[in-house]
Amino acid sequence: MSEKLPPSEEGGREAVDEARATDADAWATACAEDLAAEKTRRRTQYGPPPGTAAEELRKLVDTVADKLSGLQSPLLGAVAGPAAQQVVKQVVQQAKAAVEPVIERNPDLFDHLANAGSELLAAYRSAVQAQERRWTTPERDARDLDEPRRGKGDEPGPGERIDLD
């Protein structure tokens, strides 16, 4: 009553698995090549991507330090100019010496601060856009503002304050 199945071909199954693995490898290789090409295209079109917030802060400090060190002050005159320039260089070096260890110890802090700043900017932009909408929409009739809103059957509408006392 029970029929025996013919023995399976082990060699045929390995060939199928190998073909599937090769296809998966080919797909992964093609995806990696496409991704690398896209990154190269974007880097060419837009320049190098920005670094972490800590790296960008370090670049900013270096740039500001270079600009301040090379700054000539016409207000101090020729006599005080070299001495003032030396003081500026000393202050810049002290500032760099103070900032550098903080950047080294806490690189993630600056990423978090940058993200928080972006969120604050988004919240501010949302508030400003809401206010601008109120300013630019046509004004309602003064009677509409003075009378409480009523829904169906003189029930309080969504804009009316309900006193529960």
C-alpha atoms as a PDB file:
ATOM      1  CA  MET A   1       0.000   0.000   0.000  1.00  0.00           C
ATOM      2  CA  SER A   2       2.791   2.406   0.587  1.00  0.00           C
ATOM      3  CA  GLU A   3       4.801   3.288  -2.405  1.00  0.00           C
ATOM      4  CA  LYS A   4       8.457   3.909  -2.194  1.00  0.00           C
ATOM      5  CA  LEU A   5       9.724   7.092  -3.733  1.00  0.00           C
ATOM      6  CA  PRO A   6      12.672   6.844  -6.053  1.00  0.00           C
ATOM      7  CA  PRO A   7      15.934   7.917  -4.466  1.00  0.00           C
ATOM      8  CA  SER A   8      16.579  11.641  -4.819  1.00  0.00           C
ATOM      9  CA  GLU A   9      19.512  12.829  -6.803  1.00  0.00           C
ATOM     10  CA  GLU A  10      21.877  14.526  -4.403  1.00  0.00           C
ATOM     11  CA  GLY A  11      24.114  15.857  -7.162  1.00  0.00           C
ATOM     12  CA  GLY A  12      21.269  17.718  -8.869  1.00  0.00           C
ATOM     13  CA  ARG A  13      20.285  19.505  -5.675  1.00  0.00           C
ATOM     14  CA  GLU A  14      23.799  20.781  -4.997  1.00  0.00           C
ATOM     15  CA  ALA A  15      23.972  22.250  -8.483  1.00  0.00           C
ATOM     16  CA  VAL A  16      20.705  24.153  -7.928  1.00  0.00           C
ATOM     17  CA  ASP A  17      21.899  25.501  -4.561  1.00  0.00           C
ATOM     18  CA  GLU A  18      25.209  26.546  -6.109  1.00  0.00           C
ATOM     19  CA  ALA A  19      23.399  28.354  -8.938  1.00  0.00           C
ATOM     20  CA  ARG A  20      21.223  30.201  -6.404  1.00  0.00           C
ATOM     21  CA  ALA A  21      24.268  31.188  -4.356  1.00  0.00           C
ATOM     22  CA  THR A  22      25.986  32.450  -7.475  1.00  0.00           C
ATOM     23  CA  ASP A  23      22.917  34.482  -8.420  1.00  0.00           C
ATOM     24  CA  ALA A  24      22.740  35.978  -4.926  1.00  0.00           C
ATOM     25  CA  ASP A  25      26.431  36.843  -5.037  1.00  0.00           C
ATOM     26  CA  ALA A  26      26.009  38.389  -8.480  1.00  0.00           C
ATOM     27  CA  TRP A  27      23.066  40.455  -7.225  1.00  0.00           C
ATOM     28  CA  ALA A  28      24.997  41.635  -4.164  1.00  0.00           C
ATOM     29  CA  THR A  29      28.015  42.487  -6.325  1.00  0.00           C
ATOM     30  CA  ALA A  30      25.872  44.409  -8.809  1.00  0.00           C
ATOM     31  CA  CYS A  31      24.189  46.333  -5.982  1.00  0.00           C
ATOM     32  CA  ALA A  32      27.538  47.198  -4.415  1.00  0.00           C
ATOM     33  CA  GLU A  33      28.888  48.391  -7.777  1.00  0.00           C
ATOM     34  CA  ASP A  34      25.779  50.529  -8.379  1.00  0.00           C
ATOM     35  CA  LEU A  35      26.030  52.020  -4.908  1.00  0.00           C
ATOM     36  CA  ALA A  36      29.708  52.838  -5.375  1.00  0.00           C
ATOM     37  CA  ALA A  37      28.989  54.441  -8.762  1.00  0.00           C
ATOM     38  CA  GLU A  38      26.165  56.530  -7.266  1.00  0.00           C
ATOM     39  CA  LYS A  39      28.389  57.676  -4.385  1.00  0.00           C
ATOM     40  CA  THR A  40      31.094  58.674  -6.868  1.00  0.00           C
ATOM     41  CA  ARG A  41      28.570  60.552  -9.012  1.00  0.00           C
ATOM     42  CA  ARG A  42      27.184  62.441  -5.999  1.00  0.00           C
ATOM     43  CA  ARG A  43      30.665  63.222  -4.690  1.00  0.00           C
ATOM     44  CA  THR A  44      31.566  64.623  -8.115  1.00  0.00           C
ATOM     45  CA  GLN A  45      28.350  66.619  -8.384  1.00  0.00           C
ATOM     46  CA  TYR A  46      28.006  67.908  -4.800  1.00  0.00           C
ATOM     47  CA  GLY A  47      31.520  67.621  -3.405  1.00  0.00           C
ATOM     48  CA  PRO A  48      32.583  65.524  -0.454  1.00  0.00           C
ATOM     49  CA  PRO A  49      29.868  64.784   2.088  1.00  0.00           C
ATOM     50  CA  PRO A  50      30.061  66.672   5.370  1.00  0.00           C
ATOM     51  CA  GLY A  51      31.832  64.913   8.188  1.00  0.00           C
ATOM     52  CA  THR A  52      30.570  64.427  11.679  1.00  0.00           C
ATOM     53  CA  ALA A  53      29.652  67.458  13.738  1.00  0.00           C
ATOM     54  CA  ALA A  54      32.902  67.112  15.694  1.00  0.00           C
ATOM     55  CA  GLU A  55      34.963  67.159  12.486  1.00  0.00           C
ATOM     56  CA  GLU A  56      33.045  70.171  11.202  1.00  0.00           C
ATOM     57  CA  LEU A  57      33.582  72.011  14.506  1.00  0.00           C
ATOM     58  CA  ARG A  58      37.292  71.240  14.323  1.00  0.00           C
ATOM     59  CA  LYS A  59      37.399  72.653  10.758  1.00  0.00           C
ATOM     60  CA  LEU A  60      35.529  75.762  11.918  1.00  0.00           C
ATOM     61  CA  VAL A  61      37.920  76.341  14.817  1.00  0.00           C
ATOM     62  CA  ASP A  62      40.911  75.926  12.516  1.00  0.00           C
ATOM     63  CA  THR A  63      39.487  78.315   9.919  1.00  0.00           C
ATOM     64  CA  VAL A  64      38.578  80.969  12.481  1.00  0.00           C
ATOM     65  CA  ALA A  65      42.011  80.610  14.094  1.00  0.00           C
ATOM     66  CA  ASP A  66      43.740  81.065  10.733  1.00  0.00           C
ATOM     67  CA  LYS A  67      41.630  84.124   9.895  1.00  0.00           C
ATOM     68  CA  LEU A  68      42.193  85.738  13.287  1.00  0.00           C
ATOM     69  CA  SER A  69      45.925  85.023  13.217  1.00  0.00           C
ATOM     70  CA  GLY A  70      46.304  86.671   9.836  1.00  0.00           C
ATOM     71  CA  LEU A  71      44.141  89.669  10.721  1.00  0.00           C
ATOM     72  CA  GLN A  72      45.934  93.035  10.623  1.00  0.00           C
ATOM     73  CA  SER A  73      44.381  95.678  12.862  1.00  0.00           C
ATOM     74  CA  PRO A  74      44.633  99.218  11.446  1.00  0.00           C
ATOM     75  CA  LEU A  75      43.022 100.621  14.617  1.00  0.00           C
ATOM     76  CA  LEU A  76      45.994  99.791  16.829  1.00  0.00           C
ATOM     77  CA  GLY A  77      48.557 101.516  14.654  1.00  0.00           C
ATOM     78  CA  ALA A  78      52.002 100.422  13.545  1.00  0.00           C
ATOM     79  CA  VAL A  79      53.498 100.378  17.054  1.00  0.00           C
ATOM     80  CA  ALA A  80      50.905  98.204  18.791  1.00  0.00           C
ATOM     81  CA  GLY A  81      50.155  96.095  15.688  1.00  0.00           C
ATOM     82  CA  PRO A  82      52.790  93.348  16.147  1.00  0.00           C
ATOM     83  CA  ALA A  83      52.149  93.078  19.893  1.00  0.00           C
ATOM     84  CA  ALA A  84      48.381  92.919  19.374  1.00  0.00           C
ATOM     85  CA  GLN A  85      48.813  90.332  16.669  1.00  0.00           C
ATOM     86  CA  GLN A  86      50.934  88.225  19.035  1.00  0.00           C
ATOM     87  CA  VAL A  87      48.237  88.475  21.724  1.00  0.00           C
ATOM     88  CA  VAL A  88      45.567  87.397  19.202  1.00  0.00           C
ATOM     89  CA  LYS A  89      47.669  84.404  18.167  1.00  0.00           C
ATOM     90  CA  GLN A  90      48.171  83.429  21.804  1.00  0.00           C
ATOM     91  CA  VAL A  91      44.438  83.676  22.560  1.00  0.00           C
ATOM     92  CA  VAL A  92      43.606  81.640  19.467  1.00  0.00           C
ATOM     93  CA  GLN A  93      46.076  78.921  20.459  1.00  0.00           C
ATOM     94  CA  GLN A  94      44.628  78.807  23.988  1.00  0.00           C
ATOM     95  CA  ALA A  95      41.103  78.531  22.594  1.00  0.00           C
ATOM     96  CA  LYS A  96      42.151  75.703  20.277  1.00  0.00           C
ATOM     97  CA  ALA A  97      43.897  73.943  23.159  1.00  0.00           C
ATOM     98  CA  ALA A  98      40.706  74.196  25.235  1.00  0.00           C
ATOM     99  CA  VAL A  99      38.325  73.064  22.478  1.00  0.00           C
ATOM    100  CA  GLU A 100      40.377  70.185  21.062  1.00  0.00           C
ATOM    101  CA  PRO A 101      40.203  67.870  24.138  1.00  0.00           C
ATOM    102  CA  VAL A 102      36.455  68.435  24.424  1.00  0.00           C
ATOM    103  CA  ILE A 103      35.995  67.432  20.783  1.00  0.00           C
ATOM    104  CA  GLU A 104      38.187  64.367  21.247  1.00  0.00           C
ATOM    105  CA  ARG A 105      36.401  63.144  24.381  1.00  0.00           C
ATOM    106  CA  ASN A 106      32.833  63.815  23.240  1.00  0.00           C
ATOM    107  CA  PRO A 107      32.470  63.468  19.459  1.00  0.00           C
ATOM    108  CA  ASP A 108      28.899  62.136  19.757  1.00  0.00           C
ATOM    109  CA  LEU A 109      27.866  65.148  21.832  1.00  0.00           C
ATOM    110  CA  PHE A 110      28.248  67.424  18.845  1.00  0.00           C
ATOM    111  CA  ASP A 111      26.138  65.134  16.650  1.00  0.00           C
ATOM    112  CA  HIS A 112      23.396  65.223  19.300  1.00  0.00           C
ATOM    113  CA  LEU A 113      23.648  69.014  19.538  1.00  0.00           C
ATOM    114  CA  ALA A 114      23.444  69.325  15.752  1.00  0.00           C
ATOM    115  CA  ASN A 115      20.336  67.106  15.691  1.00  0.00           C
ATOM    116  CA  ALA A 116      18.757  69.092  18.523  1.00  0.00           C
ATOM    117  CA  GLY A 117      19.494  72.308  16.663  1.00  0.00           C
ATOM    118  CA  SER A 118      17.827  70.917  13.541  1.00  0.00           C
ATOM    119  CA  GLU A 119      14.747  69.957  15.533  1.00  0.00           C
ATOM    120  CA  LEU A 120      14.582  73.382  17.173  1.00  0.00           C
ATOM    121  CA  LEU A 121      14.854  75.004  13.758  1.00  0.00           C
ATOM    122  CA  ALA A 122      12.027  72.803  12.451  1.00  0.00           C
ATOM    123  CA  ALA A 123       9.836  73.721  15.439  1.00  0.00           C
ATOM    124  CA  TYR A 124      10.561  77.429  14.965  1.00  0.00           C
ATOM    125  CA  ARG A 125       9.850  77.201  11.242  1.00  0.00           C
ATOM    126  CA  SER A 126       6.535  75.456  11.978  1.00  0.00           C
ATOM    127  CA  ALA A 127       5.527  78.160  14.470  1.00  0.00           C
ATOM    128  CA  VAL A 128       6.436  80.948  12.058  1.00  0.00           C
ATOM    129  CA  GLN A 129       4.530  79.322   9.198  1.00  0.00           C
ATOM    130  CA  ALA A 130       1.453  78.900  11.412  1.00  0.00           C
ATOM    131  CA  GLN A 131       1.619  82.554  12.426  1.00  0.00           C
ATOM    132  CA  GLU A 132       2.064  83.642   8.810  1.00  0.00           C
ATOM    133  CA  ARG A 133      -1.014  81.605   7.853  1.00  0.00           C
ATOM    134  CA  ARG A 134      -3.030  83.443  10.505  1.00  0.00           C
ATOM    135  CA  TRP A 135      -1.780  86.784   9.224  1.00  0.00           C
ATOM    136  CA  THR A 136      -2.467  86.049   5.588  1.00  0.00           C
ATOM    137  CA  THR A 137      -5.910  84.419   5.858  1.00  0.00           C
ATOM    138  CA  PRO A 138      -8.871  86.732   5.399  1.00  0.00           C
ATOM    139  CA  GLU A 139     -10.192  88.064   8.677  1.00  0.00           C
ATOM    140  CA  ARG A 140     -13.449  86.690   9.948  1.00  0.00           C
ATOM    141  CA  ASP A 141     -16.344  88.869  10.867  1.00  0.00           C
ATOM    142  CA  ALA A 142     -16.019  90.244  14.427  1.00  0.00           C
ATOM    143  CA  ARG A 143     -19.387  88.674  15.323  1.00  0.00           C
ATOM    144  CA  ASP A 144     -17.990  85.232  14.522  1.00  0.00           C
ATOM    145  CA  LEU A 145     -15.152  85.803  16.998  1.00  0.00           C
ATOM    146  CA  ASP A 146     -17.371  87.128  19.798  1.00  0.00           C
ATOM    147  CA  GLU A 147     -20.088  84.477  19.622  1.00  0.00           C
ATOM    148  CA  PRO A 148     -19.277  81.033  20.979  1.00  0.00           C
ATOM    149  CA  ARG A 149     -19.229  78.301  18.381  1.00  0.00           C
ATOM    150  CA  ARG A 150     -22.212  76.017  18.470  1.00  0.00           C
ATOM    151  CA  GLY A 151     -22.499  72.615  16.922  1.00  0.00           C
ATOM    152  CA  LYS A 152     -25.615  70.665  16.116  1.00  0.00           C
ATOM    153  CA  GLY A 153     -28.498  71.311  18.502  1.00  0.00           C
ATOM    154  CA  ASP A 154     -26.757  74.177  20.387  1.00  0.00           C
ATOM    155  CA  GLU A 155     -24.120  71.839  21.761  1.00  0.00           C
ATOM    156  CA  PRO A 156     -20.708  73.355  22.371  1.00  0.00           C
ATOM    157  CA  GLY A 157     -18.502  73.194  19.296  1.00  0.00           C
ATOM    158  CA  PRO A 158     -14.827  72.259  19.250  1.00  0.00           C
ATOM    159  CA  GLY A 159     -13.638  75.840  19.745  1.00  0.00           C
ATOM    160  CA  GLU A 160     -15.615  76.677  22.868  1.00  0.00           C
ATOM    161  CA  ARG A 161     -14.264  76.387  26.396  1.00  0.00           C
ATOM    162  CA  ILE A 162     -16.459  74.291  28.663  1.00  0.00           C
ATOM    163  CA  ASP A 163     -16.594  75.256  32.349  1.00  0.00           C
ATOM    164  CA  LEU A 164     -16.948  72.096  34.428  1.00  0.00           C
ATOM    165  CA  ASP A 165     -17.409  73.824  37.826  1.00  0.00           C
END
